Amino acid sequence: MADLPTLDFSKFTAGSHWEQVKLGKSLVDSFKNHGFVKLTNHGLPDETITELLNYSNKFFSLPADVKNEIVCHRGPHPQRGWSCVGSEQTAKLRKENLANRNADELTDEREHFDAGPLGDTQFPNLWPRDDALPGFRQFMETAYQSCQEVSLKIIAAVELGLDLEPGTLVERCCPAASEIRMNRYPPVSVERLADGRVKRTWPHTDFGIITLLFQDHVGGLELEDRTRPGTFVPVTPVKIGPGQKSEMVVNISDTFQRWTNAVIRAGLHQVSAPPAYKANTEGILPERHSCVFFFKASRDTSAGPLPQFVTEKHPALYDEITALEYQQRMTKELY
């Protein structure tokens, strides 16, 4: 299992200034060393996380004709609505995944639902009919707002940990352009995954600033061990039960790597067979659900390196484009 630091985020939201600084520094250290961290007392109620996973089950259980009414149209734009199994091909995001193979043959065994900011007129959200899934839209919009608020606090803590002026990063995240996603990984045979052309999700990094992740008990999320590049280790699934406080998994994403000029690198990760099935040569992997919040910069904000991270000895490594242009560039690669 990945030996990720687990930090008590209430030290930032309710602690003394000294505790806030210490938490910020620990957060930055974990992101530098792993690209990931686990947070407790993060501000999202356990009931919200449980309901996210419950609604994930309900949504993906809808009849195909209902989901097809809100199908996501493939293309270089933020994703909205339902994407069927195999729509995304995360293998295309990294040349290391291809290894002289035909990229179109490398698929993801996963379907997903995506929604963006409330009232988005540039890229409108697509919701299932109220009579098909009562309460879904209202709950998801509330969860979106809660995740956005928590993400802004995490970024404020990172500012402190990096000795940046307050607001340096937070101001680049408003107005909201983040996205919330539900993933369903259908049951799949061990043999199908073993042939090398299918993964639940291929090794990749996310496009935004940070990603908040909640997974069910099944497991399968793996992150790259930076002491052994190319080696992936499991991340223990979130467990929520009576008397337990949930852990939130947070990873650094591409835009943050670009802002810091690679001082802090995005966390490379994949979804593979759960640890209990790793040694199996046959059988069926169980269905898996996860919910993620892709916290992103406002669309017109620069995704180029910040001047605080560019020096004569460490010149800019990335081009000057907006956050939306970067997302469109990368989303185009997925199809």
Protein backbone atom coordinates (compact mmCIF):
# COMPACT_ATOMS: atom_id res chain seq x y z
CA MET A 1 0.00 0.00 0.00
CA ALA A 2 1.13 3.57 -0.65
CA ASP A 3 2.58 5.11 2.51
CA LEU A 4 0.94 8.49 2.00
CA PRO A 5 0.94 11.09 4.77
CA THR A 6 -2.48 11.61 6.33
CA LEU A 7 -2.93 15.22 7.47
CA ASP A 8 -5.60 16.69 9.74
CA PHE A 9 -6.89 19.60 7.68
CA SER A 10 -8.65 21.17 10.67
CA LYS A 11 -5.18 22.35 11.69
CA PHE A 12 -5.52 24.82 8.82
CA THR A 13 -9.21 25.67 9.03
CA ALA A 14 -9.37 25.98 12.84
CA GLY A 15 -5.78 26.04 14.05
CA SER A 16 -3.38 28.73 15.22
CA HIS A 17 -1.21 30.54 12.69
CA TRP A 18 1.69 28.25 13.61
CA GLU A 19 -0.50 25.18 13.03
CA GLN A 20 -1.67 26.59 9.70
CA VAL A 21 1.89 27.14 8.51
CA LYS A 22 2.94 23.66 9.65
CA LEU A 23 -0.02 22.09 7.84
CA GLY A 24 0.74 24.08 4.68
CA LYS A 25 4.38 22.98 4.71
CA SER A 26 3.42 19.33 5.29
CA LEU A 27 0.92 19.53 2.45
CA VAL A 28 3.54 20.89 0.06
CA ASP A 29 6.07 18.26 1.18
CA SER A 30 3.64 15.42 0.45
CA PHE A 31 2.78 16.86 -2.96
CA LYS A 32 6.48 17.22 -3.79
CA ASN A 33 7.32 13.70 -2.65
CA HIS A 34 4.26 11.80 -3.87
CA GLY A 35 1.99 14.07 -5.90
CA PHE A 36 -0.70 12.92 -3.44
CA VAL A 37 -1.86 13.34 0.14
CA LYS A 38 -4.69 12.10 2.37
CA LEU A 39 -6.74 14.57 4.41
CA THR A 40 -9.02 14.02 7.39
CA ASN A 41 -11.38 16.65 8.82
CA HIS A 42 -11.44 18.16 5.36
CA GLY A 43 -14.85 19.78 5.61
CA LEU A 44 -16.97 17.45 3.48
CA PRO A 45 -19.47 15.55 5.66
CA ASP A 46 -19.32 11.76 5.54
CA GLU A 47 -23.00 11.80 4.61
CA THR A 48 -22.20 13.78 1.45
CA ILE A 49 -19.51 11.32 0.40
CA THR A 50 -21.76 8.33 1.09
CA GLU A 51 -24.57 9.93 -0.91
CA LEU A 52 -22.21 10.67 -3.82
CA LEU A 53 -21.39 6.99 -4.09
CA ASN A 54 -25.07 6.06 -3.64
CA TYR A 55 -26.11 8.38 -6.46
CA SER A 56 -23.33 6.96 -8.60
CA ASN A 57 -24.92 3.53 -8.29
CA LYS A 58 -28.36 4.96 -9.05
CA PHE A 59 -27.24 6.96 -12.07
CA PHE A 60 -25.37 4.15 -13.79
CA SER A 61 -28.29 1.81 -13.15
CA LEU A 62 -30.56 4.00 -15.28
CA PRO A 63 -31.78 2.48 -18.56
CA ALA A 64 -29.50 3.07 -21.54
CA ASP A 65 -32.11 5.16 -23.33
CA VAL A 66 -32.26 7.61 -20.40
CA LYS A 67 -28.48 7.97 -20.28
CA ASN A 68 -28.36 8.36 -24.06
CA GLU A 69 -30.52 11.48 -23.74
CA ILE A 70 -27.55 13.21 -22.09
CA VAL A 71 -24.67 11.56 -23.94
CA CYS A 72 -21.40 13.53 -23.95
CA HIS A 73 -20.37 14.55 -27.45
CA ARG A 74 -16.75 13.65 -28.13
CA GLY A 75 -14.44 16.53 -28.87
CA PRO A 76 -11.95 19.08 -27.48
CA HIS A 77 -14.25 20.66 -24.92
CA PRO A 78 -15.11 20.15 -21.24
CA GLN A 79 -17.09 16.94 -20.83
CA ARG A 80 -20.75 17.08 -19.90
CA GLY A 81 -23.27 14.30 -19.32
CA TRP A 82 -22.79 10.57 -19.76
CA SER A 83 -19.87 8.86 -21.51
CA CYS A 84 -20.22 5.15 -22.24
CA VAL A 85 -17.60 2.49 -21.52
CA GLY A 86 -14.56 3.06 -23.71
CA SER A 87 -15.35 6.68 -24.65
CA GLU A 88 -12.18 8.03 -23.08
CA GLN A 89 -8.82 6.52 -23.99
CA THR A 90 -6.44 7.66 -21.27
CA ALA A 91 -3.65 5.58 -22.83
CA LYS A 92 -3.31 8.36 -25.43
CA LEU A 93 -2.25 10.89 -22.80
CA ARG A 94 1.23 9.38 -22.32
CA LYS A 95 3.55 8.02 -24.98
CA GLU A 96 4.89 5.56 -22.40
CA ASN A 97 1.52 3.78 -22.51
CA LEU A 98 1.70 3.16 -26.24
CA ALA A 99 4.98 1.24 -26.60
CA ASN A 100 4.68 1.05 -30.41
CA ARG A 101 1.08 -0.18 -30.17
CA ASN A 102 -1.96 1.15 -31.99
CA ALA A 103 -3.41 3.75 -29.62
CA ASP A 104 -6.97 3.09 -30.82
CA GLU A 105 -6.73 -0.50 -29.53
CA LEU A 106 -5.92 0.60 -25.96
CA THR A 107 -9.19 1.21 -24.14
CA ASP A 108 -10.57 2.12 -20.72
CA GLU A 109 -13.11 -0.20 -19.10
CA ARG A 110 -15.07 2.66 -17.53
CA GLU A 111 -18.13 4.85 -17.99
CA HIS A 112 -18.59 8.26 -16.38
CA PHE A 113 -20.86 11.24 -15.78
CA ASP A 114 -19.53 14.82 -15.74
CA ALA A 115 -20.95 18.18 -14.68
CA GLY A 116 -19.42 21.64 -14.52
CA PRO A 117 -20.24 24.91 -12.77
CA LEU A 118 -23.82 25.76 -11.91
CA GLY A 119 -25.50 27.77 -14.64
CA ASP A 120 -22.62 27.33 -17.08
CA THR A 121 -23.73 28.95 -20.35
CA GLN A 122 -20.51 28.33 -22.28
CA PHE A 123 -20.56 24.56 -21.72
CA PRO A 124 -24.05 23.77 -20.36
CA ASN A 125 -24.55 20.82 -18.05
CA LEU A 126 -26.62 17.83 -19.14
CA TRP A 127 -28.83 16.29 -16.45
CA PRO A 128 -31.08 13.23 -16.51
CA ARG A 129 -34.81 13.92 -16.35
CA ASP A 130 -36.06 14.65 -12.84
CA ASP A 131 -38.58 11.83 -13.07
CA ALA A 132 -35.80 9.38 -13.98
CA LEU A 133 -33.60 10.22 -10.98
CA PRO A 134 -35.34 12.52 -8.48
CA GLY A 135 -33.06 14.78 -6.44
CA PHE A 136 -29.93 13.97 -8.45
CA ARG A 137 -29.34 17.40 -9.98
CA GLN A 138 -30.00 19.27 -6.74
CA PHE A 139 -27.68 17.00 -4.77
CA MET A 140 -24.89 17.18 -7.36
CA GLU A 141 -25.05 20.97 -7.56
CA THR A 142 -24.80 21.20 -3.78
CA ALA A 143 -21.91 18.70 -3.70
CA TYR A 144 -20.15 20.69 -6.43
CA GLN A 145 -20.32 23.88 -4.37
CA SER A 146 -19.06 22.08 -1.26
CA CYS A 147 -16.10 20.55 -3.13
CA GLN A 148 -15.25 23.92 -4.69
CA GLU A 149 -15.15 25.57 -1.26
CA VAL A 150 -12.96 22.82 0.22
CA SER A 151 -10.60 23.01 -2.77
CA LEU A 152 -10.17 26.76 -2.35
CA LYS A 153 -9.16 26.19 1.28
CA ILE A 154 -6.64 23.53 0.27
CA ILE A 155 -5.11 25.92 -2.27
CA ALA A 156 -4.95 28.65 0.39
CA ALA A 157 -3.01 26.22 2.58
CA VAL A 158 -0.67 25.46 -0.33
CA GLU A 159 -0.05 29.20 -0.77
CA LEU A 160 1.07 29.31 2.84
CA GLY A 161 3.26 26.25 2.41
CA LEU A 162 4.95 27.78 -0.65
CA ASP A 163 5.44 31.19 1.03
CA LEU A 164 3.27 32.87 -1.59
CA GLU A 165 1.26 36.01 -0.98
CA PRO A 166 -2.31 35.17 0.08
CA GLY A 167 -4.55 35.05 -2.97
CA THR A 168 -1.75 34.32 -5.45
CA LEU A 169 -3.35 31.01 -6.44
CA VAL A 170 -6.87 31.37 -5.05
CA GLU A 171 -7.61 34.39 -7.24
CA ARG A 172 -6.78 32.31 -10.32
CA CYS A 173 -9.57 29.88 -9.47
CA CYS A 174 -12.50 32.30 -9.66
CA PRO A 175 -14.95 32.20 -11.32
CA ALA A 176 -15.32 28.43 -10.97
CA ALA A 177 -14.53 26.15 -13.91
CA SER A 178 -14.15 22.89 -11.98
CA GLU A 179 -15.89 19.63 -12.83
CA ILE A 180 -17.42 16.84 -10.78
CA ARG A 181 -17.36 13.27 -12.08
CA MET A 182 -18.79 9.88 -11.20
CA ASN A 183 -16.97 6.80 -12.51
CA ARG A 184 -18.30 3.27 -12.84
CA TYR A 185 -15.94 0.42 -13.63
CA PRO A 186 -18.05 -2.57 -14.72
CA PRO A 187 -17.13 -6.13 -13.75
CA VAL A 188 -14.31 -7.31 -16.00
CA SER A 189 -12.42 -10.58 -16.36
CA VAL A 190 -8.84 -10.86 -15.19
CA GLU A 191 -8.01 -12.36 -18.58
CA ARG A 192 -9.33 -9.29 -20.41
CA LEU A 193 -7.11 -6.97 -18.39
CA ALA A 194 -4.14 -9.31 -18.77
CA ASP A 195 -4.02 -9.08 -22.57
CA GLY A 196 -2.42 -5.62 -22.32
CA ARG A 197 -4.98 -3.69 -24.37
CA VAL A 198 -7.51 -2.85 -21.67
CA LYS A 199 -7.19 -1.16 -18.28
CA ARG A 200 -9.76 0.26 -15.94
CA THR A 201 -7.81 3.51 -16.36
CA TRP A 202 -4.35 3.88 -17.92
CA PRO A 203 -1.48 5.74 -16.21
CA HIS A 204 -2.16 9.46 -16.54
CA THR A 205 -2.18 12.80 -14.77
CA ASP A 206 -5.23 15.03 -14.42
CA PHE A 207 -5.54 18.36 -16.24
CA GLY A 208 -6.53 20.80 -13.50
CA ILE A 209 -4.99 22.13 -10.28
CA ILE A 210 -5.86 19.44 -7.74
CA THR A 211 -8.26 16.49 -7.75
CA LEU A 212 -10.36 15.37 -4.78
CA LEU A 213 -11.05 11.63 -4.89
CA PHE A 214 -13.50 9.38 -3.10
CA GLN A 215 -13.56 5.65 -3.88
CA ASP A 216 -15.68 2.77 -2.69
CA HIS A 217 -14.37 -0.25 -0.77
CA VAL A 218 -13.30 -2.23 -3.87
CA GLY A 219 -9.95 -0.54 -4.45
CA GLY A 220 -7.70 -0.46 -7.48
CA LEU A 221 -6.36 3.11 -7.42
CA GLU A 222 -2.59 3.12 -7.72
CA LEU A 223 -0.03 5.93 -7.71
CA GLU A 224 3.49 5.95 -9.06
CA ASP A 225 6.19 5.35 -6.45
CA ARG A 226 8.58 8.21 -7.19
CA THR A 227 11.48 6.36 -5.62
CA ARG A 228 10.92 3.66 -8.27
CA PRO A 229 9.67 5.38 -11.44
CA GLY A 230 7.28 3.22 -13.45
CA THR A 231 6.24 1.24 -10.37
CA PHE A 232 2.69 1.69 -9.08
CA VAL A 233 1.50 1.03 -5.53
CA PRO A 234 -2.10 0.75 -4.24
CA VAL A 235 -3.86 3.55 -2.37
CA THR A 236 -5.98 2.17 0.45
CA PRO A 237 -9.70 2.67 -0.30
CA VAL A 238 -11.66 5.19 1.71
CA LYS A 239 -13.67 3.48 4.44
CA ILE A 240 -16.72 5.13 5.92
CA GLY A 241 -18.58 3.51 8.79
CA PRO A 242 -20.13 4.27 12.16
CA GLY A 243 -17.73 6.38 14.19
CA GLN A 244 -15.23 6.66 11.33
CA LYS A 245 -14.14 9.89 9.69
CA SER A 246 -13.55 9.68 5.97
CA GLU A 247 -10.20 10.31 4.35
CA MET A 248 -10.02 12.38 1.21
CA VAL A 249 -7.35 11.53 -1.35
CA VAL A 250 -5.98 14.63 -3.08
CA ASN A 251 -3.58 14.70 -6.01
CA ILE A 252 -1.70 17.47 -7.79
CA SER A 253 -2.66 17.97 -11.43
CA ASP A 254 -1.10 19.39 -14.60
CA THR A 255 -2.05 23.06 -14.28
CA PHE A 256 -0.43 23.22 -10.85
CA GLN A 257 2.72 21.58 -12.23
CA ARG A 258 2.76 24.20 -14.98
CA TRP A 259 2.22 27.06 -12.52
CA THR A 260 5.14 25.92 -10.36
CA ASN A 261 7.34 25.25 -13.40
CA ALA A 262 7.59 21.57 -12.34
CA VAL A 263 8.75 22.38 -8.81
CA ILE A 264 5.70 20.32 -7.80
CA ARG A 265 4.83 17.61 -10.33
CA ALA A 266 1.42 16.15 -11.05
CA GLY A 267 0.66 12.78 -9.48
CA LEU A 268 0.78 9.93 -11.99
CA HIS A 269 -1.89 7.31 -11.27
CA GLN A 270 -3.94 4.47 -12.75
CA VAL A 271 -6.78 2.14 -11.82
CA SER A 272 -5.81 -1.52 -11.90
CA ALA A 273 -6.93 -4.77 -10.29
CA PRO A 274 -7.61 -4.44 -6.55
CA PRO A 275 -4.80 -5.86 -4.36
CA ALA A 276 -6.86 -8.94 -3.46
CA TYR A 277 -7.01 -9.91 -7.15
CA LYS A 278 -3.44 -9.10 -8.20
CA ALA A 279 -2.25 -12.70 -8.12
CA ASN A 280 -5.30 -14.11 -9.90
CA THR A 281 -4.97 -15.46 -13.43
CA GLU A 282 -8.72 -15.92 -13.91
CA GLY A 283 -11.99 -14.72 -12.46
CA ILE A 284 -14.01 -11.50 -12.49
CA LEU A 285 -13.05 -8.20 -10.88
CA PRO A 286 -16.02 -6.67 -9.04
CA GLU A 287 -17.75 -3.48 -10.10
CA ARG A 288 -16.09 -0.34 -8.75
CA HIS A 289 -17.32 3.23 -8.21
CA SER A 290 -15.45 6.46 -7.53
CA CYS A 291 -16.32 10.15 -7.42
CA VAL A 292 -13.82 12.87 -8.24
CA PHE A 293 -13.76 16.65 -8.23
CA PHE A 294 -11.42 18.18 -10.78
CA PHE A 295 -10.59 21.58 -9.27
CA LYS A 296 -9.61 23.89 -12.11
CA ALA A 297 -8.43 27.41 -12.78
CA SER A 298 -10.84 29.93 -14.24
CA ARG A 299 -10.94 29.52 -18.00
CA ASP A 300 -9.18 32.74 -19.00
CA THR A 301 -6.42 32.34 -16.40
CA SER A 302 -2.91 31.61 -17.64
CA ALA A 303 -1.74 28.02 -17.35
CA GLY A 304 1.85 29.13 -17.91
CA PRO A 305 4.54 29.21 -15.20
CA LEU A 306 4.12 31.85 -12.51
CA PRO A 307 6.95 34.41 -12.33
CA GLN A 308 7.75 33.30 -8.76
CA PHE A 309 8.95 29.97 -10.19
CA VAL A 310 10.91 31.20 -13.21
CA THR A 311 14.58 32.16 -12.87
CA GLU A 312 17.64 32.36 -15.10
CA LYS A 313 18.72 28.95 -13.84
CA HIS A 314 15.19 27.55 -14.07
CA PRO A 315 13.62 29.06 -17.20
CA ALA A 316 9.98 28.54 -18.12
CA LEU A 317 9.28 24.94 -19.15
CA TYR A 318 5.75 25.47 -20.48
CA ASP A 319 4.01 27.62 -23.06
CA GLU A 320 1.73 30.53 -22.25
CA ILE A 321 -1.88 29.42 -22.82
CA THR A 322 -5.10 29.75 -20.88
CA ALA A 323 -6.43 27.06 -18.57
CA LEU A 324 -9.29 26.37 -20.99
CA GLU A 325 -6.93 26.11 -23.96
CA TYR A 326 -4.83 23.60 -22.03
CA GLN A 327 -7.91 21.54 -21.14
CA GLN A 328 -9.06 21.57 -24.76
CA ARG A 329 -5.61 20.49 -25.92
CA MET A 330 -5.58 17.53 -23.55
CA THR A 331 -9.23 16.53 -23.98
CA LYS A 332 -8.64 16.33 -27.72
CA GLU A 333 -5.99 13.67 -27.01
CA LEU A 334 -8.52 11.51 -25.13
CA TYR A 335 -10.54 10.81 -28.27
